Amino acid sequence: MRHPLGLLSALILTVIVAAVLLAPVLSPQAPGVAALKAAFEGPAAGHPLGFDSAGRDILSRLLYGGRNTLGGALIALVVALAVGVPAGLLAGYYGRWFDAAAGWLVNLVMALPAMVVLLASRAILGSTVWVLMVVLGFLVAPGFFRLVRGIVACVRRELYVDAARVSGLSDLRIVSRHVLIVVRAPIIIQVALVAGIAIGLQAGLEFLGIGSGDAPTWGAMLNEAFKNIQRAPTLLLWPGLALGLTSGALVLLAAALRDGLEDPTGNAPASGAAPEAPEAPASAVGDTADSGAERAALLSVRGLGVAYPHAGEVVRGVDLDVRPGEIVGLVGESGSGKTQTAFSILGILPEGGRVSRGSVIVGGTEIVGLGEREHRALRGTTVAYIPQEPTSNLDPAFTIGSQLVEPIRYKLGLSRARAVRRALELLRQVEITDPRRTFDAYPHEISGGMAQRVLIAGAMSCEPKLLVADEPTTALDVRVQAEVLELLRTLRGDHGLGVLLVTHNLGVVADLCDRVAVMRAGRIVESGTTEQVLGDPRDAYTRTLLDAVLPLEVS
């Protein structure tokens, strides 16, 4: 409604489609009925557009011809979408051998001259227009494949996609929710272009006389009009006008839809009428944490090695433990292997990375060699992730509330109303003063500090036992850093969480951590209590790190 050209084009297409669908009702007579004595006659009673060279009613042939022309284009479009879009999604999201094989096949198909293939198909399969349109669908499917594959290959590297994976969402949900929304606008434009191409090619074939015999189509009407252009030039007007209006309206409508989808103003998902009464969250550890099993490690890493094909081992023989209610700092310079260790624990190593040796036990489950489905079952409920760069880890296409509610409903099986109440309560727990306003906001409408709190709320949403926090305060100013650290300390005390804090900031370690492990070049060079490691370091590298910062007062 906000796009006048889009509204006009939608009305034109609606009228055209309705007219061809109602052809039996609107047509004065059957399209094949001929009266030679009426050949080339102008409009008459009951025949508003007159007659063609064979005395057939032009309006009838125009309406029935639209059925065949638009129906053929629809077949080609459906085939192209069904082949190109899923293949592009798979190749772009997973890559590897499927991407290589699909890319080779697509290049082969695109190298084929479409008109020659259609002519050869007509000779082999017959002149039925529907069959030719199926062939055309396969010929134009590579356009959808390359479009979708290129966009998805970029989107899959976005941090908010990694955040969705770590929250425990399946690949199908991630693709349908976070990836398809990015490719939908280009697909809409491509649909309009392909539909126009299909209509034009079909009309061109019919114009050349390569069609379905006597079946009425707009291209066949053009062919007949061209043969009689000297005697009745107005015969070109009606099929030409139908083709031009349809193709133009398709392009304008696609552009309007694209603009509407890309403009989020006023399109925020409804947050529902769920009451805001807080729902008391269950403790992640419970009252049984006072038993002797409390100190059993939530995370136990032994001899961990992480390798890449061209870089060799980047993590070597790492040993690490995190117990309930304990915050362990993993500290080291950039490139020391901290994040690779964290990603190994979460099962989200980048493409090409693998655990080359060792053992990683999370919540009593050995995760080395575990399949993606089993990893997904642990994420969100047993282990959760707080990433750095908070705004990049939130999908800009969805509200904060929508992104919090989705994992809660998927992992905990709650109704939408209960999930909304839990999300609002989580926002209160992370000390956001106006939870409802933040719930309804988009990521660009909140500050970096609030975004980091939202990510902490998301990590806590499914009541995990272990948090892996990767540089959670890097992008924040000093005051907000202090607030976030205090929040982590409060959550640890309230829920008995175990926290692995990946950082290069020794000040954060001194302020927050119970124990610390120092990494260099992929190895743990020193570990122990915070007081011991920072107050009386044994390794020369640790002393170098301490000398590089201002004097620290270890509490």
Protein backbone atom coordinates (compact mmCIF):
# COMPACT_ATOMS: atom_id res chain seq x y z
CA MET A 1 0.00 0.00 0.00
CA ARG A 2 2.99 2.35 0.54
CA HIS A 3 4.32 1.66 -3.00
CA PRO A 4 1.98 3.07 -5.70
CA LEU A 5 3.71 1.33 -8.61
CA GLY A 6 3.69 -1.94 -6.69
CA LEU A 7 -0.01 -1.58 -5.96
CA LEU A 8 -0.77 -0.75 -9.59
CA SER A 9 1.29 -3.68 -10.90
CA ALA A 10 -0.39 -6.04 -8.42
CA LEU A 11 -3.81 -4.89 -9.62
CA ILE A 12 -2.78 -5.39 -13.27
CA LEU A 13 -1.46 -8.90 -12.59
CA THR A 14 -4.54 -9.76 -10.56
CA VAL A 15 -6.83 -8.67 -13.41
CA ILE A 16 -4.79 -10.61 -15.99
CA VAL A 17 -4.61 -13.80 -13.92
CA ALA A 18 -8.30 -13.60 -12.97
CA ALA A 19 -9.26 -13.07 -16.61
CA VAL A 20 -7.34 -16.08 -17.91
CA LEU A 21 -8.60 -18.29 -15.06
CA LEU A 22 -12.18 -17.25 -15.84
CA ALA A 23 -11.70 -17.72 -19.58
CA PRO A 24 -14.61 -20.20 -19.92
CA VAL A 25 -16.91 -17.63 -18.32
CA LEU A 26 -15.64 -14.49 -20.06
CA SER A 27 -15.02 -15.91 -23.56
CA PRO A 28 -17.75 -15.28 -26.17
CA GLN A 29 -17.02 -18.69 -27.71
CA ALA A 30 -14.48 -21.51 -27.73
CA PRO A 31 -11.05 -20.37 -29.01
CA GLY A 32 -10.97 -22.88 -31.84
CA VAL A 33 -14.40 -22.06 -33.35
CA ALA A 34 -13.88 -20.43 -36.75
CA ALA A 35 -16.23 -18.64 -39.14
CA LEU A 36 -14.37 -17.76 -42.34
CA LYS A 37 -17.00 -15.25 -43.39
CA ALA A 38 -16.11 -13.22 -40.25
CA ALA A 39 -12.35 -13.19 -40.95
CA PHE A 40 -10.68 -9.86 -40.16
CA GLU A 41 -13.95 -8.30 -39.08
CA GLY A 42 -13.81 -5.65 -36.38
CA PRO A 43 -15.63 -5.53 -33.07
CA ALA A 44 -19.20 -6.73 -33.14
CA ALA A 45 -21.95 -7.53 -30.66
CA GLY A 46 -20.59 -10.19 -28.27
CA HIS A 47 -17.13 -9.98 -29.85
CA PRO A 48 -15.53 -6.78 -28.46
CA LEU A 49 -12.09 -7.33 -30.03
CA GLY A 50 -13.24 -8.66 -33.37
CA PHE A 51 -11.99 -11.72 -35.30
CA ASP A 52 -8.64 -13.01 -36.60
CA SER A 53 -7.71 -14.26 -40.08
CA ALA A 54 -9.59 -17.53 -39.57
CA GLY A 55 -12.71 -15.91 -38.15
CA ARG A 56 -11.92 -16.91 -34.58
CA ASP A 57 -12.82 -14.61 -31.71
CA ILE A 58 -9.73 -12.63 -30.62
CA LEU A 59 -10.88 -12.20 -26.99
CA SER A 60 -11.40 -15.95 -26.59
CA ARG A 61 -7.98 -16.75 -27.99
CA LEU A 62 -6.39 -14.02 -25.86
CA LEU A 63 -7.91 -15.41 -22.65
CA TYR A 64 -7.25 -19.07 -23.40
CA GLY A 65 -3.82 -18.18 -24.81
CA GLY A 66 -3.02 -16.52 -21.49
CA ARG A 67 -3.78 -19.80 -19.74
CA ASN A 68 -1.24 -21.63 -21.86
CA THR A 69 1.40 -18.87 -21.83
CA LEU A 70 1.23 -18.10 -18.10
CA GLY A 71 0.82 -21.77 -17.20
CA GLY A 72 3.94 -22.67 -19.17
CA ALA A 73 5.91 -19.86 -17.51
CA LEU A 74 4.70 -21.05 -14.10
CA ILE A 75 5.92 -24.58 -14.82
CA ALA A 76 9.37 -23.30 -15.82
CA LEU A 77 9.51 -21.11 -12.72
CA VAL A 78 8.49 -23.89 -10.32
CA VAL A 79 11.09 -26.27 -11.80
CA ALA A 80 13.81 -23.61 -11.59
CA LEU A 81 12.94 -22.78 -7.97
CA ALA A 82 12.65 -26.42 -6.93
CA VAL A 83 16.06 -27.26 -8.42
CA GLY A 84 18.06 -24.06 -7.97
CA VAL A 85 17.13 -22.75 -4.51
CA PRO A 86 17.57 -25.93 -2.41
CA ALA A 87 20.79 -26.79 -4.25
CA GLY A 88 22.10 -23.25 -3.69
CA LEU A 89 21.23 -23.40 0.02
CA LEU A 90 23.01 -26.73 0.48
CA ALA A 91 26.08 -25.71 -1.51
CA GLY A 92 26.36 -22.32 0.20
CA TYR A 93 25.74 -23.55 3.76
CA TYR A 94 27.68 -26.83 3.77
CA GLY A 95 30.12 -26.33 0.88
CA ARG A 96 32.68 -29.12 0.43
CA TRP A 97 32.10 -31.86 -2.18
CA PHE A 98 28.47 -30.94 -2.90
CA ASP A 99 29.45 -27.35 -3.66
CA ALA A 100 32.18 -28.48 -6.04
CA ALA A 101 29.98 -31.02 -7.85
CA ALA A 102 26.99 -28.68 -8.09
CA GLY A 103 29.18 -25.83 -9.30
CA TRP A 104 30.64 -27.98 -12.08
CA LEU A 105 27.16 -29.08 -13.22
CA VAL A 106 25.81 -25.53 -13.10
CA ASN A 107 28.68 -24.25 -15.24
CA LEU A 108 27.98 -27.00 -17.75
CA VAL A 109 24.28 -26.15 -18.00
CA MET A 110 24.98 -22.42 -18.29
CA ALA A 111 27.34 -23.08 -21.18
CA LEU A 112 24.50 -24.62 -23.20
CA PRO A 113 22.65 -22.30 -25.66
CA ALA A 114 19.07 -22.25 -24.36
CA MET A 115 17.33 -21.82 -27.72
CA VAL A 116 19.30 -24.65 -29.33
CA VAL A 117 18.52 -26.96 -26.41
CA LEU A 118 14.82 -26.08 -26.63
CA LEU A 119 14.78 -26.77 -30.37
CA ALA A 120 16.53 -30.10 -29.84
CA SER A 121 14.10 -30.95 -27.01
CA ARG A 122 11.17 -30.23 -29.30
CA ALA A 123 12.56 -32.62 -31.90
CA ILE A 124 13.09 -35.36 -29.29
CA LEU A 125 10.22 -34.85 -26.86
CA GLY A 126 7.57 -33.35 -29.09
CA SER A 127 6.10 -29.87 -29.49
CA THR A 128 4.03 -29.82 -26.28
CA VAL A 129 4.67 -26.47 -24.64
CA TRP A 130 4.55 -27.92 -21.11
CA VAL A 131 7.46 -30.26 -21.83
CA LEU A 132 9.52 -27.44 -23.32
CA MET A 133 8.86 -25.31 -20.24
CA VAL A 134 10.13 -28.09 -17.96
CA VAL A 135 13.34 -28.14 -19.99
CA LEU A 136 13.51 -24.35 -19.76
CA GLY A 137 13.11 -24.62 -15.99
CA PHE A 138 16.24 -26.76 -15.76
CA LEU A 139 18.10 -24.34 -18.03
CA VAL A 140 17.36 -21.28 -15.86
CA ALA A 141 17.77 -23.07 -12.48
CA PRO A 142 21.54 -22.25 -12.41
CA GLY A 143 20.63 -18.58 -12.08
CA PHE A 144 18.82 -19.29 -8.81
CA PHE A 145 21.63 -21.62 -7.69
CA ARG A 146 24.41 -19.10 -8.16
CA LEU A 147 22.41 -16.27 -6.62
CA VAL A 148 21.45 -18.24 -3.50
CA ARG A 149 24.79 -20.01 -3.13
CA GLY A 150 26.76 -16.75 -3.23
CA ILE A 151 24.63 -15.04 -0.59
CA VAL A 152 24.45 -18.06 1.73
CA ALA A 153 28.21 -18.62 1.54
CA CYS A 154 28.67 -15.10 2.96
CA VAL A 155 25.85 -15.32 5.51
CA ARG A 156 27.03 -18.61 7.00
CA ARG A 157 30.16 -16.82 8.27
CA GLU A 158 28.11 -14.22 10.15
CA LEU A 159 28.49 -14.34 13.90
CA TYR A 160 24.75 -14.47 14.52
CA VAL A 161 24.61 -17.75 12.57
CA ASP A 162 27.32 -19.17 14.85
CA ALA A 163 25.35 -17.85 17.82
CA ALA A 164 22.24 -19.67 16.59
CA ARG A 165 24.22 -22.90 16.22
CA VAL A 166 25.62 -22.60 19.73
CA SER A 167 22.13 -22.00 21.13
CA GLY A 168 21.25 -25.51 19.95
CA LEU A 169 19.11 -24.72 16.88
CA SER A 170 19.17 -27.28 14.07
CA ASP A 171 20.62 -26.49 10.65
CA LEU A 172 17.11 -26.60 9.16
CA ARG A 173 15.88 -23.95 11.60
CA ILE A 174 18.95 -21.79 11.08
CA VAL A 175 18.59 -21.93 7.29
CA SER A 176 14.84 -21.33 7.32
CA ARG A 177 15.01 -18.51 9.88
CA HIS A 178 18.33 -16.70 9.54
CA VAL A 179 19.48 -17.55 6.01
CA LEU A 180 16.33 -17.61 3.87
CA ILE A 181 15.34 -14.17 5.11
CA VAL A 182 18.56 -12.79 3.60
CA VAL A 183 18.03 -14.39 0.19
CA ARG A 184 14.29 -13.83 -0.12
CA ALA A 185 14.51 -10.33 -1.66
CA PRO A 186 17.05 -11.33 -4.38
CA ILE A 187 14.97 -14.46 -5.05
CA ILE A 188 11.86 -12.34 -5.58
CA ILE A 189 13.68 -10.20 -8.14
CA GLN A 190 15.04 -13.33 -9.81
CA VAL A 191 11.54 -14.84 -9.91
CA ALA A 192 10.26 -11.81 -11.80
CA LEU A 193 13.17 -11.93 -14.25
CA VAL A 194 12.85 -15.69 -14.84
CA ALA A 195 9.07 -15.45 -15.25
CA GLY A 196 9.58 -12.70 -17.83
CA ILE A 197 12.25 -14.78 -19.60
CA ALA A 198 9.98 -17.85 -19.62
CA ILE A 199 7.07 -15.86 -21.04
CA GLY A 200 9.32 -14.22 -23.63
CA LEU A 201 11.04 -17.43 -24.74
CA GLN A 202 7.77 -19.28 -24.96
CA ALA A 203 6.24 -16.46 -27.01
CA GLY A 204 9.36 -16.41 -29.18
CA LEU A 205 9.12 -20.13 -29.89
CA GLU A 206 5.44 -19.80 -30.76
CA PHE A 207 6.15 -16.74 -32.89
CA LEU A 208 8.67 -18.81 -34.86
CA GLY A 209 6.04 -21.48 -35.32
CA ILE A 210 7.71 -23.92 -32.93
CA GLY A 211 4.88 -24.57 -30.55
CA SER A 212 1.92 -26.73 -29.69
CA GLY A 213 0.16 -26.69 -33.02
CA ASP A 214 -3.28 -25.10 -32.88
CA ALA A 215 -3.29 -24.49 -29.11
CA PRO A 216 -3.90 -20.76 -28.52
CA THR A 217 -0.98 -18.85 -26.98
CA TRP A 218 0.05 -15.21 -27.08
CA GLY A 219 3.10 -16.13 -29.15
CA ALA A 220 0.97 -17.98 -31.70
CA MET A 221 -1.29 -14.93 -31.94
CA LEU A 222 1.77 -12.78 -32.64
CA ASN A 223 2.84 -15.21 -35.36
CA GLU A 224 -0.53 -15.00 -37.06
CA ALA A 225 -0.68 -11.21 -36.69
CA PHE A 226 2.77 -10.81 -38.23
CA LYS A 227 1.72 -12.89 -41.26
CA ASN A 228 -1.22 -10.55 -41.81
CA ILE A 229 0.39 -7.30 -40.72
CA GLN A 230 -0.33 -5.60 -44.05
CA ARG A 231 -4.05 -6.37 -43.94
CA ALA A 232 -4.80 -6.14 -40.21
CA PRO A 233 -1.97 -4.51 -38.22
CA THR A 234 -4.20 -4.17 -35.15
CA LEU A 235 -3.97 -7.94 -34.61
CA LEU A 236 -0.50 -7.30 -33.12
CA LEU A 237 -1.93 -4.97 -30.50
CA TRP A 238 -3.69 -7.40 -28.16
CA PRO A 239 -1.10 -10.16 -27.68
CA GLY A 240 1.69 -7.55 -27.63
CA LEU A 241 -0.17 -5.54 -25.01
CA ALA A 242 -0.79 -8.69 -22.90
CA LEU A 243 2.88 -9.69 -23.01
CA GLY A 244 4.13 -6.18 -22.26
CA LEU A 245 1.74 -5.55 -19.38
CA THR A 246 2.44 -8.92 -17.78
CA SER A 247 6.22 -8.66 -17.98
CA GLY A 248 6.29 -5.04 -16.82
CA ALA A 249 3.91 -5.69 -13.94
CA LEU A 250 6.01 -8.64 -12.79
CA VAL A 251 9.17 -6.55 -12.57
CA LEU A 252 7.47 -3.63 -10.81
CA LEU A 253 5.69 -5.90 -8.33
CA ALA A 254 8.92 -7.75 -7.54
CA ALA A 255 10.72 -4.45 -6.90
CA ALA A 256 7.91 -3.29 -4.60
CA LEU A 257 7.92 -6.56 -2.66
CA ARG A 258 11.69 -6.40 -2.33
CA ASP A 259 11.49 -2.84 -0.99
CA GLY A 260 8.77 -3.81 1.46
CA LEU A 261 10.66 -6.81 2.78
CA GLU A 262 13.90 -4.88 3.16
CA ASP A 263 12.22 -2.03 5.06
CA PRO A 264 11.55 -3.22 8.62
CA THR A 265 9.50 -0.14 9.58
CA GLY A 266 6.29 -1.26 11.09
CA ASN A 267 7.02 -4.91 10.45
CA ALA A 268 8.24 -5.91 13.88
CA PRO A 269 6.82 -9.30 14.84
CA ALA A 270 3.98 -9.03 17.29
CA SER A 271 5.12 -9.81 20.75
CA GLY A 272 1.73 -11.21 21.61
CA ALA A 273 -0.56 -10.41 24.48
CA ALA A 274 1.25 -12.57 26.96
CA PRO A 275 1.24 -11.10 30.48
CA GLU A 276 4.53 -9.80 31.80
CA ALA A 277 4.26 -11.55 35.12
CA PRO A 278 7.66 -13.11 35.80
CA GLU A 279 8.02 -16.84 35.82
CA ALA A 280 10.33 -18.06 38.52
CA PRO A 281 13.32 -19.62 36.74
CA ALA A 282 14.50 -23.02 37.79
CA SER A 283 18.00 -23.22 39.16
CA ALA A 284 20.51 -24.72 36.80
CA VAL A 285 22.07 -26.69 39.64
CA GLY A 286 19.39 -27.00 42.26
CA ASP A 287 19.56 -27.76 45.94
CA THR A 288 21.46 -30.97 45.39
CA ALA A 289 24.60 -28.98 44.57
CA ASP A 290 25.62 -29.13 48.22
CA SER A 291 26.37 -32.82 47.88
CA GLY A 292 29.87 -34.21 47.47
CA ALA A 293 29.34 -34.35 43.70
CA GLU A 294 29.26 -30.54 43.53
CA ARG A 295 32.95 -30.33 42.81
CA ALA A 296 32.83 -32.87 39.98
CA ALA A 297 34.09 -31.08 36.88
CA LEU A 298 31.50 -29.73 34.45
CA LEU A 299 34.30 -29.49 31.90
CA SER A 300 37.31 -31.76 31.74
CA VAL A 301 39.82 -31.29 28.91
CA ARG A 302 42.78 -33.65 28.66
CA GLY A 303 45.55 -33.58 26.05
CA LEU A 304 43.48 -31.56 23.58
CA GLY A 305 44.93 -31.01 20.14
CA VAL A 306 43.31 -28.95 17.35
CA ALA A 307 44.67 -29.09 13.80
CA TYR A 308 44.04 -27.54 10.39
CA PRO A 309 45.11 -28.99 7.02
CA HIS A 310 47.61 -26.25 6.13
CA ALA A 311 48.54 -24.97 9.58
CA GLY A 312 49.13 -28.17 11.50
CA GLU A 313 48.30 -28.25 15.21
CA VAL A 314 47.32 -24.88 16.62
CA VAL A 315 46.38 -26.29 20.05
CA ARG A 316 48.69 -28.84 21.66
CA GLY A 317 48.09 -30.95 24.74
CA VAL A 318 45.74 -28.63 26.63
CA ASP A 319 44.46 -29.74 30.07
CA LEU A 320 41.64 -27.76 31.66
CA ASP A 321 38.90 -28.19 34.29
CA VAL A 322 35.86 -26.10 35.23
CA ARG A 323 33.73 -27.06 38.26
CA PRO A 324 30.24 -25.89 39.30
CA GLY A 325 30.26 -22.39 40.77
CA GLU A 326 33.79 -21.73 39.51
CA ILE A 327 35.06 -19.12 37.05
CA VAL A 328 38.21 -20.20 35.23
CA GLY A 329 40.13 -17.71 33.12
CA LEU A 330 41.87 -18.82 29.92
CA VAL A 331 44.33 -16.04 29.19
CA GLY A 332 46.97 -15.40 26.56
CA GLU A 333 47.97 -13.14 23.71
CA SER A 334 46.10 -13.08 20.39
CA GLY A 335 46.77 -16.24 18.41
CA SER A 336 47.67 -18.30 21.47
CA GLY A 337 44.84 -20.79 20.84
CA LYS A 338 42.28 -19.61 23.42
CA THR A 339 39.35 -19.29 21.02
CA GLN A 340 40.24 -22.55 19.24
CA THR A 341 40.09 -24.32 22.58
CA ALA A 342 36.70 -22.74 23.34
CA PHE A 343 35.36 -23.67 19.91
CA SER A 344 36.51 -27.27 20.44
CA ILE A 345 34.49 -27.42 23.64
CA LEU A 346 31.42 -26.07 21.81
CA GLY A 347 31.92 -28.27 18.74
CA ILE A 348 31.95 -25.31 16.34
CA LEU A 349 35.48 -25.34 14.94
CA PRO A 350 35.73 -23.43 11.63
CA GLU A 351 35.75 -25.34 8.37
CA GLY A 352 38.83 -27.53 8.11
CA GLY A 353 39.45 -27.59 11.86
CA ARG A 354 39.32 -30.86 13.80
CA VAL A 355 40.18 -32.23 17.21
CA SER A 356 43.32 -34.18 16.39
CA ARG A 357 43.77 -35.81 19.79
CA GLY A 358 42.76 -35.74 23.41
CA SER A 359 39.49 -35.80 25.32
CA VAL A 360 36.83 -33.18 26.04
CA ILE A 361 34.12 -34.13 28.55
CA VAL A 362 31.23 -31.68 28.95
CA GLY A 363 28.63 -32.43 31.61
CA GLY A 364 29.77 -36.06 31.74
CA THR A 365 29.61 -36.54 27.93
CA GLU A 366 32.68 -37.13 25.78
CA ILE A 367 32.24 -34.79 22.82
CA VAL A 368 35.30 -35.69 20.73
CA GLY A 369 33.98 -37.57 17.73
CA LEU A 370 30.39 -36.65 18.56
CA GLY A 371 28.06 -36.00 15.62
CA GLU A 372 26.43 -32.63 14.99
CA ARG A 373 23.04 -33.86 16.22
CA GLU A 374 24.51 -34.95 19.56
CA HIS A 375 26.48 -31.70 19.85
CA ARG A 376 23.28 -29.76 19.25
CA ALA A 377 21.54 -31.58 22.09
CA LEU A 378 24.22 -30.32 24.52
CA ARG A 379 24.28 -26.72 23.34
CA GLY A 380 22.01 -24.37 25.18
CA THR A 381 21.04 -26.77 27.96
CA THR A 382 24.42 -28.19 29.09
CA VAL A 383 26.86 -25.67 27.65
CA ALA A 384 26.16 -22.16 26.37
CA TYR A 385 28.24 -19.48 24.71
CA ILE A 386 28.65 -15.75 25.28
CA PRO A 387 30.48 -14.31 22.25
CA GLN A 388 32.41 -11.10 21.81
CA GLU A 389 31.19 -8.36 19.44
CA PRO A 390 27.63 -8.40 20.80
CA THR A 391 25.85 -6.50 18.03
CA SER A 392 27.32 -8.77 15.31
CA ASN A 393 25.90 -11.84 17.06
CA LEU A 394 22.31 -10.61 16.86
CA ASP A 395 20.39 -11.04 13.62
CA PRO A 396 19.43 -7.53 12.41
CA ALA A 397 16.28 -8.86 10.72
CA PHE A 398 14.56 -9.94 13.97
CA THR A 399 13.60 -8.27 17.23
CA ILE A 400 15.49 -9.05 20.43
CA GLY A 401 12.46 -10.86 21.82
CA SER A 402 12.07 -13.03 18.76
CA GLN A 403 15.69 -14.16 19.02
CA LEU A 404 15.35 -14.95 22.72
CA VAL A 405 12.05 -16.80 22.41
CA GLU A 406 13.07 -19.08 19.52
CA PRO A 407 15.71 -21.18 21.40
CA ILE A 408 13.51 -21.33 24.51
CA ARG A 409 10.60 -22.79 22.57
CA TYR A 410 12.81 -25.13 20.55
CA LYS A 411 14.98 -26.46 23.39
CA LEU A 412 12.57 -26.37 26.34
CA GLY A 413 9.32 -27.01 24.45
CA LEU A 414 7.49 -24.10 26.08
CA SER A 415 4.44 -22.38 24.60
CA ARG A 416 4.96 -18.95 23.09
CA ALA A 417 3.29 -17.22 26.05
CA ARG A 418 5.51 -18.99 28.59
CA ALA A 419 8.61 -18.42 26.44
CA VAL A 420 7.82 -14.70 26.25
CA ARG A 421 7.42 -14.52 30.04
CA ARG A 422 10.72 -16.35 30.53
CA ALA A 423 12.51 -14.06 28.06
CA LEU A 424 11.22 -10.98 29.87
CA GLU A 425 12.32 -12.43 33.21
CA LEU A 426 15.78 -13.15 31.80
CA LEU A 427 16.07 -9.55 30.63
CA ARG A 428 15.21 -8.46 34.17
CA GLN A 429 17.83 -10.82 35.58
CA VAL A 430 20.52 -9.26 33.45
CA GLU A 431 19.46 -5.88 34.87
CA ILE A 432 17.83 -4.33 31.81
CA THR A 433 15.60 -1.61 33.24
CA ASP A 434 12.83 -1.77 30.63
CA PRO A 435 12.57 -5.44 29.53
CA ARG A 436 9.47 -4.99 27.36
CA ARG A 437 10.99 -2.14 25.37
CA THR A 438 14.20 -4.11 24.80
CA PHE A 439 12.18 -7.22 23.94
CA ASP A 440 10.40 -5.33 21.14
CA ALA A 441 13.53 -3.54 19.87
CA TYR A 442 15.79 -4.46 16.96
CA PRO A 443 19.55 -4.91 17.55
CA HIS A 444 20.41 -1.53 16.03
CA GLU A 445 18.11 0.18 18.54
CA ILE A 446 20.08 -0.85 21.65
CA SER A 447 23.57 -0.01 22.90
CA GLY A 448 26.56 -2.35 22.91
CA GLY A 449 26.30 -2.87 26.65
CA MET A 450 22.62 -3.79 26.40
CA ALA A 451 23.40 -6.11 23.47
CA GLN A 452 25.98 -7.91 25.62
CA ARG A 453 23.39 -8.29 28.39
CA VAL A 454 20.94 -9.67 25.83
CA LEU A 455 23.51 -12.26 24.74
CA ILE A 456 24.07 -13.25 28.37
CA ALA A 457 20.30 -13.59 28.79
CA GLY A 458 20.20 -15.74 25.66
CA ALA A 459 23.01 -17.93 26.95
CA MET A 460 21.10 -18.41 30.23
CA SER A 461 17.73 -18.96 28.53
CA CYS A 462 17.84 -22.78 28.54
CA GLU A 463 19.42 -23.13 31.99
CA PRO A 464 22.93 -24.32 31.06
CA LYS A 465 25.42 -25.67 33.56
CA LEU A 466 28.53 -24.36 31.82
CA LEU A 467 29.11 -20.97 30.18
CA VAL A 468 31.91 -20.35 27.71
CA ALA A 469 32.45 -16.58 27.56
CA ASP A 470 34.76 -15.45 24.75
CA GLU A 471 36.08 -11.93 25.45
CA PRO A 472 32.63 -10.77 26.69
CA THR A 473 33.85 -7.27 27.60
CA THR A 474 36.27 -6.46 24.76
CA ALA A 475 34.03 -4.02 22.86
CA LEU A 476 32.67 -2.27 25.96
CA ASP A 477 33.79 0.80 27.86
CA VAL A 478 35.22 0.48 31.36
CA ARG A 479 31.99 1.24 33.22
CA VAL A 480 29.93 -1.22 31.19
CA GLN A 481 32.71 -3.81 31.51
CA ALA A 482 32.42 -3.59 35.28
CA GLU A 483 28.64 -4.01 35.10
CA VAL A 484 28.90 -7.08 32.86
CA LEU A 485 31.55 -8.67 35.10
CA GLU A 486 29.39 -8.09 38.16
CA LEU A 487 26.47 -9.65 36.29
CA LEU A 488 28.53 -12.78 35.53
CA ARG A 489 29.55 -12.97 39.17
CA THR A 490 25.90 -12.69 40.26
CA LEU A 491 24.74 -15.38 37.82
CA ARG A 492 27.51 -17.68 39.03
CA GLY A 493 26.33 -17.22 42.61
CA ASP A 494 22.61 -17.53 41.86
CA HIS A 495 22.78 -20.53 39.52
CA GLY A 496 25.96 -22.34 40.49
CA LEU A 497 27.31 -21.99 36.97
CA GLY A 498 30.72 -23.03 35.85
CA VAL A 499 32.25 -20.35 33.62
CA LEU A 500 35.21 -20.59 31.24
CA LEU A 501 36.26 -17.00 30.58
CA VAL A 502 38.42 -16.58 27.48
CA THR A 503 40.24 -13.26 27.65
CA HIS A 504 43.53 -11.43 27.17
CA ASN A 505 42.65 -8.92 29.91
CA LEU A 506 44.52 -9.76 33.11
CA GLY A 507 42.54 -7.10 34.95
CA VAL A 508 39.33 -9.01 34.23
CA VAL A 509 41.00 -12.23 35.36
CA ALA A 510 42.15 -10.66 38.63
CA ASP A 511 38.70 -9.22 39.30
CA LEU A 512 36.53 -12.22 38.43
CA CYS A 513 38.32 -15.57 38.16
CA ASP A 514 38.90 -18.23 40.80
CA ARG A 515 41.53 -20.03 38.76
CA VAL A 516 43.48 -19.14 35.64
CA ALA A 517 45.30 -20.99 32.86
CA VAL A 518 47.86 -19.15 30.73
CA MET A 519 48.25 -20.16 27.05
CA ARG A 520 51.08 -19.55 24.66
CA ALA A 521 51.50 -20.96 21.14
CA GLY A 522 48.71 -23.47 21.67
CA ARG A 523 49.94 -24.80 25.03
CA ILE A 524 49.06 -24.21 28.68
CA VAL A 525 52.27 -22.88 30.18
CA GLU A 526 50.96 -22.23 33.69
CA SER A 527 47.79 -22.78 35.69
CA GLY A 528 46.63 -22.41 39.26
CA THR A 529 44.61 -20.13 41.50
CA THR A 530 44.37 -16.50 40.46
CA GLU A 531 46.30 -15.37 43.53
CA GLN A 532 49.09 -17.81 42.81
CA VAL A 533 49.45 -17.23 39.07
CA LEU A 534 49.16 -13.44 39.16
CA GLY A 535 50.86 -12.94 42.52
CA ASP A 536 53.76 -15.38 42.16
CA PRO A 537 54.06 -16.51 38.52
CA ARG A 538 56.45 -19.38 37.81
CA ASP A 539 56.62 -19.19 34.02
CA ALA A 540 58.62 -16.48 32.27
CA TYR A 541 55.82 -15.87 29.74
CA THR A 542 53.33 -15.18 32.55
CA ARG A 543 55.76 -12.70 34.07
CA THR A 544 56.09 -11.05 30.65
CA LEU A 545 52.31 -10.65 30.41
CA LEU A 546 52.18 -9.15 33.90
CA ASP A 547 55.03 -6.76 33.14
CA ALA A 548 53.13 -5.51 30.08
CA VAL A 549 50.17 -4.23 32.12
CA LEU A 550 49.72 -1.88 35.03
CA PRO A 551 50.32 -3.35 38.48
CA LEU A 552 47.40 -5.54 39.51
CA GLU A 553 46.04 -5.89 42.98
CA VAL A 554 44.91 -9.48 43.39
CA SER A 555 42.12 -9.76 45.92
